């Protein structure tokens, strides 16, 4: 499985700020959060962006390993990442997504589109 869409960190308090911190859902004390693969911080919201190239499950897994996060089961983690990339297919570029607890999904989380929108700084005539 591969995709050209991933989530980056989004802060609703600063909707004009841009981020390059790609996100991956993880369970923290039993509740789902987004983990910033570069920063190691946890986020509640992510924005769908185009990566510009195909990203595979193995690429995301390699970034997760690089982040230093402990992995208990490789097979389970790869399945988790595959489901995450499948979920992302249903969202459009620019959508702001929230992660929520959902035990019926089989992996413990679901992604939900929010009404939040990123604001773009308009450049005027110089």
N, C-alpha and C. Protein backbone atom coordinates (compact mmCIF):
# COMPACT_ATOMS: atom_id res chain seq x y z
N UNK A 1 0.85 -1.18 0.00
CA UNK A 1 0.00 0.00 0.00
C UNK A 1 0.88 1.23 0.00
N UNK A 2 0.49 2.22 -0.79
CA UNK A 2 1.22 3.48 -0.81
C UNK A 2 0.24 4.63 -0.98
N UNK A 3 0.72 5.83 -0.71
CA UNK A 3 -0.12 7.02 -0.80
C UNK A 3 0.77 8.22 -1.10
N UNK A 4 0.15 9.29 -1.53
CA UNK A 4 0.87 10.55 -1.68
C UNK A 4 0.38 11.56 -0.65
N UNK A 5 -0.52 11.11 0.25
CA UNK A 5 -1.07 12.00 1.28
C UNK A 5 -0.63 11.53 2.66
N UNK A 6 -0.25 12.48 3.50
CA UNK A 6 0.04 12.21 4.90
C UNK A 6 -0.49 13.36 5.73
N UNK A 7 -0.45 13.20 7.04
CA UNK A 7 -0.86 14.27 7.95
C UNK A 7 0.37 14.97 8.49
N UNK A 8 0.26 16.30 8.63
CA UNK A 8 1.27 17.08 9.35
C UNK A 8 0.60 17.71 10.55
N UNK A 9 1.41 18.10 11.52
CA UNK A 9 0.88 18.70 12.75
C UNK A 9 0.09 19.97 12.42
N UNK A 10 -1.03 20.15 13.13
CA UNK A 10 -1.86 21.34 12.96
C UNK A 10 -2.23 21.86 14.34
N UNK A 11 -2.02 23.16 14.54
CA UNK A 11 -2.38 23.80 15.80
C UNK A 11 -3.53 24.76 15.53
N UNK A 12 -4.73 24.48 16.09
CA UNK A 12 -5.88 25.35 15.83
C UNK A 12 -5.70 26.76 16.37
N UNK A 13 -4.79 26.94 17.34
CA UNK A 13 -4.53 28.28 17.88
C UNK A 13 -3.68 29.12 16.93
N UNK A 14 -2.94 28.46 16.03
CA UNK A 14 -2.12 29.15 15.03
C UNK A 14 -2.37 28.53 13.66
N UNK A 15 -3.55 28.78 13.07
CA UNK A 15 -3.90 28.12 11.81
C UNK A 15 -3.06 28.56 10.61
N UNK A 16 -2.28 29.63 10.75
CA UNK A 16 -1.43 30.06 9.63
C UNK A 16 -0.06 29.42 9.69
N UNK A 17 0.31 28.81 10.80
CA UNK A 17 1.63 28.20 10.95
C UNK A 17 1.71 26.95 10.08
N UNK A 18 2.85 26.76 9.43
CA UNK A 18 3.05 25.56 8.63
C UNK A 18 3.93 24.59 9.40
N UNK A 19 3.77 23.32 9.10
CA UNK A 19 4.52 22.29 9.81
C UNK A 19 5.02 21.26 8.80
N UNK A 20 6.14 20.67 9.11
CA UNK A 20 6.64 19.56 8.29
C UNK A 20 6.82 18.32 9.16
N UNK A 21 6.17 18.32 10.32
CA UNK A 21 6.23 17.21 11.26
C UNK A 21 5.14 16.20 10.89
N UNK A 22 5.51 15.14 10.16
CA UNK A 22 4.53 14.14 9.75
C UNK A 22 4.03 13.38 10.96
N UNK A 23 2.73 13.00 10.92
CA UNK A 23 2.07 12.39 12.06
C UNK A 23 1.72 10.93 11.81
N UNK A 24 1.71 10.18 12.89
CA UNK A 24 1.29 8.79 12.87
C UNK A 24 0.46 8.53 14.12
N UNK A 25 -0.70 7.89 14.00
CA UNK A 25 -1.49 7.59 15.18
C UNK A 25 -0.80 6.54 16.05
N UNK A 26 -0.80 6.78 17.35
CA UNK A 26 -0.25 5.83 18.32
C UNK A 26 -1.19 5.81 19.52
N UNK A 27 -1.11 4.74 20.29
CA UNK A 27 -1.90 4.67 21.52
C UNK A 27 -1.01 5.08 22.69
N UNK A 28 -1.50 6.06 23.46
CA UNK A 28 -0.78 6.56 24.63
C UNK A 28 -1.68 6.31 25.83
N UNK A 29 -1.27 5.42 26.71
CA UNK A 29 -2.07 5.04 27.88
C UNK A 29 -3.50 4.65 27.48
N UNK A 30 -3.62 3.94 26.36
CA UNK A 30 -4.91 3.44 25.92
C UNK A 30 -5.74 4.40 25.10
N UNK A 31 -5.30 5.66 24.93
CA UNK A 31 -6.06 6.59 24.11
C UNK A 31 -5.21 7.00 22.89
N UNK A 32 -5.86 7.14 21.73
CA UNK A 32 -5.11 7.45 20.52
C UNK A 32 -4.68 8.92 20.47
N UNK A 33 -3.47 9.14 19.98
CA UNK A 33 -2.91 10.48 19.76
C UNK A 33 -2.11 10.43 18.48
N UNK A 34 -1.85 11.60 17.91
CA UNK A 34 -0.94 11.69 16.78
C UNK A 34 0.46 11.92 17.32
N UNK A 35 1.43 11.16 16.83
CA UNK A 35 2.83 11.32 17.20
C UNK A 35 3.55 12.01 16.05
N UNK A 36 4.23 13.11 16.36
CA UNK A 36 5.06 13.78 15.37
C UNK A 36 6.33 12.97 15.17
N UNK A 37 6.56 12.48 13.96
CA UNK A 37 7.69 11.59 13.72
C UNK A 37 9.03 12.31 13.81
N UNK A 38 9.06 13.62 13.60
CA UNK A 38 10.30 14.37 13.72
C UNK A 38 10.51 14.89 15.14
N UNK A 39 9.44 15.43 15.73
CA UNK A 39 9.56 16.09 17.02
C UNK A 39 9.37 15.15 18.21
N UNK A 40 8.62 14.07 18.01
CA UNK A 40 8.30 13.18 19.13
C UNK A 40 7.18 13.71 20.01
N UNK A 41 6.56 14.83 19.62
CA UNK A 41 5.46 15.43 20.39
C UNK A 41 4.15 14.77 20.00
N UNK A 42 3.16 14.91 20.89
CA UNK A 42 1.82 14.40 20.63
C UNK A 42 0.91 15.55 20.21
N UNK A 43 0.03 15.26 19.24
CA UNK A 43 -0.89 16.27 18.71
C UNK A 43 -2.30 15.70 18.68
N UNK A 44 -3.28 16.62 18.74
CA UNK A 44 -4.69 16.24 18.65
C UNK A 44 -5.23 16.38 17.23
N UNK A 45 -4.60 17.25 16.43
CA UNK A 45 -5.08 17.54 15.08
C UNK A 45 -3.95 17.38 14.06
N UNK A 46 -4.34 17.00 12.86
CA UNK A 46 -3.41 16.92 11.76
C UNK A 46 -4.07 17.44 10.50
N UNK A 47 -3.27 17.94 9.57
CA UNK A 47 -3.80 18.44 8.31
C UNK A 47 -3.27 17.56 7.18
N UNK A 48 -4.16 17.18 6.26
CA UNK A 48 -3.79 16.34 5.13
C UNK A 48 -3.00 17.17 4.12
N UNK A 49 -1.82 16.67 3.75
CA UNK A 49 -0.98 17.35 2.77
C UNK A 49 -0.53 16.34 1.70
N UNK A 50 -0.14 16.88 0.55
CA UNK A 50 0.42 16.07 -0.53
C UNK A 50 1.92 15.99 -0.30
N UNK A 51 2.47 14.79 -0.32
CA UNK A 51 3.89 14.60 -0.06
C UNK A 51 4.75 14.87 -1.28
N UNK A 52 4.19 14.76 -2.47
CA UNK A 52 4.96 14.98 -3.68
C UNK A 52 5.58 13.71 -4.24
N UNK A 53 5.56 12.64 -3.45
CA UNK A 53 6.06 11.35 -3.93
C UNK A 53 5.29 10.23 -3.23
N UNK A 54 5.37 9.05 -3.80
CA UNK A 54 4.72 7.89 -3.20
C UNK A 54 5.38 7.53 -1.88
N UNK A 55 4.57 7.33 -0.85
CA UNK A 55 5.06 6.91 0.45
C UNK A 55 4.43 5.56 0.76
N UNK A 56 5.27 4.59 1.11
CA UNK A 56 4.77 3.24 1.39
C UNK A 56 4.67 3.01 2.89
N UNK A 57 4.05 1.90 3.25
CA UNK A 57 3.95 1.50 4.65
C UNK A 57 5.35 1.36 5.24
N UNK A 58 6.27 0.78 4.47
CA UNK A 58 7.64 0.59 4.95
C UNK A 58 8.36 1.91 5.17
N UNK A 59 8.07 2.93 4.33
CA UNK A 59 8.67 4.25 4.53
C UNK A 59 8.23 4.85 5.87
N UNK A 60 6.93 4.74 6.16
CA UNK A 60 6.39 5.27 7.42
C UNK A 60 6.96 4.49 8.60
N UNK A 61 7.06 3.17 8.44
CA UNK A 61 7.62 2.33 9.50
C UNK A 61 9.08 2.71 9.78
N UNK A 62 9.84 2.97 8.73
CA UNK A 62 11.24 3.37 8.89
C UNK A 62 11.34 4.70 9.65
N UNK A 63 10.45 5.65 9.34
CA UNK A 63 10.44 6.93 10.06
C UNK A 63 10.09 6.71 11.54
N UNK A 64 9.18 5.79 11.80
CA UNK A 64 8.80 5.47 13.17
C UNK A 64 10.01 4.89 13.92
N UNK A 65 10.76 4.01 13.27
CA UNK A 65 11.96 3.46 13.89
C UNK A 65 12.99 4.56 14.16
N UNK A 66 13.15 5.47 13.20
CA UNK A 66 14.09 6.58 13.36
C UNK A 66 13.72 7.49 14.52
N UNK A 67 12.42 7.55 14.83
CA UNK A 67 11.97 8.43 15.92
C UNK A 67 12.38 7.90 17.29
N UNK A 68 12.77 6.62 17.35
CA UNK A 68 13.21 6.03 18.61
C UNK A 68 12.08 5.43 19.44
N UNK A 69 10.88 5.42 18.91
CA UNK A 69 9.75 4.85 19.65
C UNK A 69 9.88 3.33 19.74
N UNK A 70 9.57 2.80 20.90
CA UNK A 70 9.65 1.36 21.13
C UNK A 70 8.52 0.66 20.38
N UNK A 71 8.85 -0.41 19.67
CA UNK A 71 7.87 -1.17 18.90
C UNK A 71 7.78 -2.56 19.51
N UNK A 72 6.58 -2.92 19.95
CA UNK A 72 6.40 -4.21 20.61
C UNK A 72 6.16 -5.33 19.61
N UNK A 73 5.40 -5.05 18.55
CA UNK A 73 5.09 -6.07 17.54
C UNK A 73 5.21 -5.44 16.15
N UNK A 74 6.16 -5.93 15.38
CA UNK A 74 6.38 -5.38 14.04
C UNK A 74 5.17 -5.63 13.15
N UNK A 75 4.63 -6.86 13.16
CA UNK A 75 3.48 -7.19 12.31
C UNK A 75 2.27 -6.33 12.66
N UNK A 76 2.01 -6.16 13.95
CA UNK A 76 0.87 -5.35 14.38
C UNK A 76 1.07 -3.89 13.99
N UNK A 77 2.28 -3.39 14.11
CA UNK A 77 2.57 -2.01 13.76
C UNK A 77 2.40 -1.78 12.26
N UNK A 78 2.86 -2.73 11.44
CA UNK A 78 2.70 -2.60 9.98
C UNK A 78 1.22 -2.63 9.59
N UNK A 79 0.42 -3.47 10.26
CA UNK A 79 -1.02 -3.52 10.01
C UNK A 79 -1.67 -2.19 10.40
N UNK A 80 -1.24 -1.65 11.52
CA UNK A 80 -1.74 -0.37 12.04
C UNK A 80 -1.47 0.75 11.04
N UNK A 81 -0.25 0.80 10.51
CA UNK A 81 0.14 1.83 9.53
C UNK A 81 -0.65 1.65 8.23
N UNK A 82 -0.86 0.41 7.81
CA UNK A 82 -1.64 0.14 6.60
C UNK A 82 -3.06 0.67 6.75
N UNK A 83 -3.70 0.41 7.89
CA UNK A 83 -5.06 0.91 8.14
C UNK A 83 -5.08 2.44 8.13
N UNK A 84 -4.07 3.04 8.74
CA UNK A 84 -3.97 4.50 8.79
C UNK A 84 -3.91 5.08 7.37
N UNK A 85 -3.08 4.51 6.52
CA UNK A 85 -2.97 5.01 5.14
C UNK A 85 -4.27 4.79 4.37
N UNK A 86 -4.98 3.70 4.66
CA UNK A 86 -6.29 3.47 4.04
C UNK A 86 -7.29 4.54 4.47
N UNK A 87 -7.30 4.86 5.76
CA UNK A 87 -8.19 5.91 6.28
C UNK A 87 -7.92 7.24 5.58
N UNK A 88 -6.66 7.55 5.34
CA UNK A 88 -6.29 8.85 4.74
C UNK A 88 -6.84 9.02 3.33
N UNK A 89 -7.08 7.93 2.63
CA UNK A 89 -7.58 8.01 1.25
C UNK A 89 -8.93 8.71 1.17
N UNK A 90 -9.71 8.67 2.23
CA UNK A 90 -11.05 9.25 2.19
C UNK A 90 -11.07 10.76 2.47
N UNK A 91 -9.92 11.35 2.73
CA UNK A 91 -9.86 12.78 3.03
C UNK A 91 -9.18 13.55 1.90
N UNK A 92 -9.52 14.83 1.81
CA UNK A 92 -8.95 15.70 0.77
C UNK A 92 -7.78 16.50 1.33
N UNK A 93 -6.93 16.95 0.43
CA UNK A 93 -5.81 17.80 0.80
C UNK A 93 -6.35 19.06 1.48
N UNK A 94 -5.78 19.43 2.61
CA UNK A 94 -6.21 20.62 3.34
C UNK A 94 -7.21 20.34 4.45
N UNK A 95 -7.81 19.12 4.47
CA UNK A 95 -8.72 18.78 5.57
C UNK A 95 -7.95 18.71 6.88
N UNK A 96 -8.59 19.21 7.94
CA UNK A 96 -8.01 19.09 9.27
C UNK A 96 -8.71 17.92 9.95
N UNK A 97 -7.91 16.98 10.44
CA UNK A 97 -8.40 15.71 10.96
C UNK A 97 -8.14 15.62 12.45
N UNK A 98 -9.11 15.03 13.16
CA UNK A 98 -8.97 14.75 14.59
C UNK A 98 -8.94 13.24 14.75
N UNK A 99 -8.19 12.78 15.73
CA UNK A 99 -8.16 11.35 16.03
C UNK A 99 -9.09 11.10 17.22
N UNK A 100 -9.86 10.03 17.13
CA UNK A 100 -10.76 9.71 18.23
C UNK A 100 -10.70 8.23 18.55
N UNK A 101 -11.07 7.91 19.76
CA UNK A 101 -11.09 6.54 20.24
C UNK A 101 -12.24 5.80 19.56
N UNK A 102 -11.95 4.62 18.99
CA UNK A 102 -12.99 3.84 18.34
C UNK A 102 -12.60 2.37 18.39
N UNK A 103 -13.11 1.67 19.38
CA UNK A 103 -12.76 0.26 19.54
C UNK A 103 -13.40 -0.61 18.47
N UNK A 104 -14.46 -0.14 17.80
CA UNK A 104 -15.12 -0.94 16.77
C UNK A 104 -14.32 -0.99 15.47
N UNK A 105 -13.32 -0.10 15.31
CA UNK A 105 -12.53 -0.09 14.07
C UNK A 105 -11.55 -1.25 14.00
N UNK A 106 -11.32 -1.91 15.13
CA UNK A 106 -10.40 -3.03 15.16
C UNK A 106 -8.97 -2.63 15.49
N UNK A 107 -8.65 -1.35 15.36
CA UNK A 107 -7.30 -0.89 15.69
C UNK A 107 -7.29 0.17 16.77
N UNK A 108 -8.47 0.53 17.27
CA UNK A 108 -8.53 1.42 18.43
C UNK A 108 -8.67 2.89 18.15
N UNK A 109 -8.70 3.28 16.86
CA UNK A 109 -8.87 4.70 16.57
C UNK A 109 -9.65 4.89 15.27
N UNK A 110 -10.16 6.09 15.10
CA UNK A 110 -10.80 6.50 13.86
C UNK A 110 -10.37 7.93 13.58
N UNK A 111 -10.38 8.30 12.32
CA UNK A 111 -10.05 9.68 11.93
C UNK A 111 -11.34 10.37 11.54
N UNK A 112 -11.45 11.63 11.96
CA UNK A 112 -12.69 12.38 11.75
C UNK A 112 -12.34 13.77 11.23
N UNK A 113 -13.02 14.18 10.15
CA UNK A 113 -12.81 15.51 9.61
C UNK A 113 -13.43 16.53 10.55
N UNK A 114 -12.72 17.65 10.77
CA UNK A 114 -13.24 18.71 11.62
C UNK A 114 -13.65 19.89 10.75
N UNK A 115 -14.26 20.87 11.37
CA UNK A 115 -14.64 22.09 10.67
C UNK A 115 -13.50 23.11 10.65
N UNK A 116 -12.40 22.80 11.32
CA UNK A 116 -11.26 23.70 11.34
C UNK A 116 -10.66 23.82 9.95
N UNK A 117 -10.15 25.00 9.65
CA UNK A 117 -9.53 25.23 8.36
C UNK A 117 -8.22 25.97 8.55
N UNK A 118 -7.20 25.58 7.79
CA UNK A 118 -5.96 26.35 7.83
C UNK A 118 -6.18 27.68 7.11
N UNK A 119 -5.57 28.73 7.61
CA UNK A 119 -5.67 30.01 6.91
C UNK A 119 -4.33 30.30 6.26
N UNK A 120 -4.42 30.79 5.07
CA UNK A 120 -3.22 31.07 4.29
C UNK A 120 -2.96 32.56 4.31
N UNK A 121 -1.72 32.93 4.59
CA UNK A 121 -1.37 34.34 4.54
C UNK A 121 -1.33 34.77 3.08
N UNK A 122 -2.12 35.76 2.76
CA UNK A 122 -2.14 36.26 1.38
C UNK A 122 -1.00 37.27 1.21
N UNK A 123 -0.31 37.11 0.10
CA UNK A 123 0.77 38.03 -0.20
C UNK A 123 0.24 39.15 -1.08
N UNK A 124 0.45 40.33 -0.63
CA UNK A 124 0.01 41.49 -1.40
C UNK A 124 1.03 41.87 -2.46
N UNK A 125 0.71 42.88 -3.18
CA UNK A 125 1.63 43.38 -4.19
C UNK A 125 2.81 44.04 -3.50
N UNK A 126 4.03 43.72 -3.91
CA UNK A 126 5.20 44.27 -3.22
C UNK A 126 5.35 45.76 -3.41
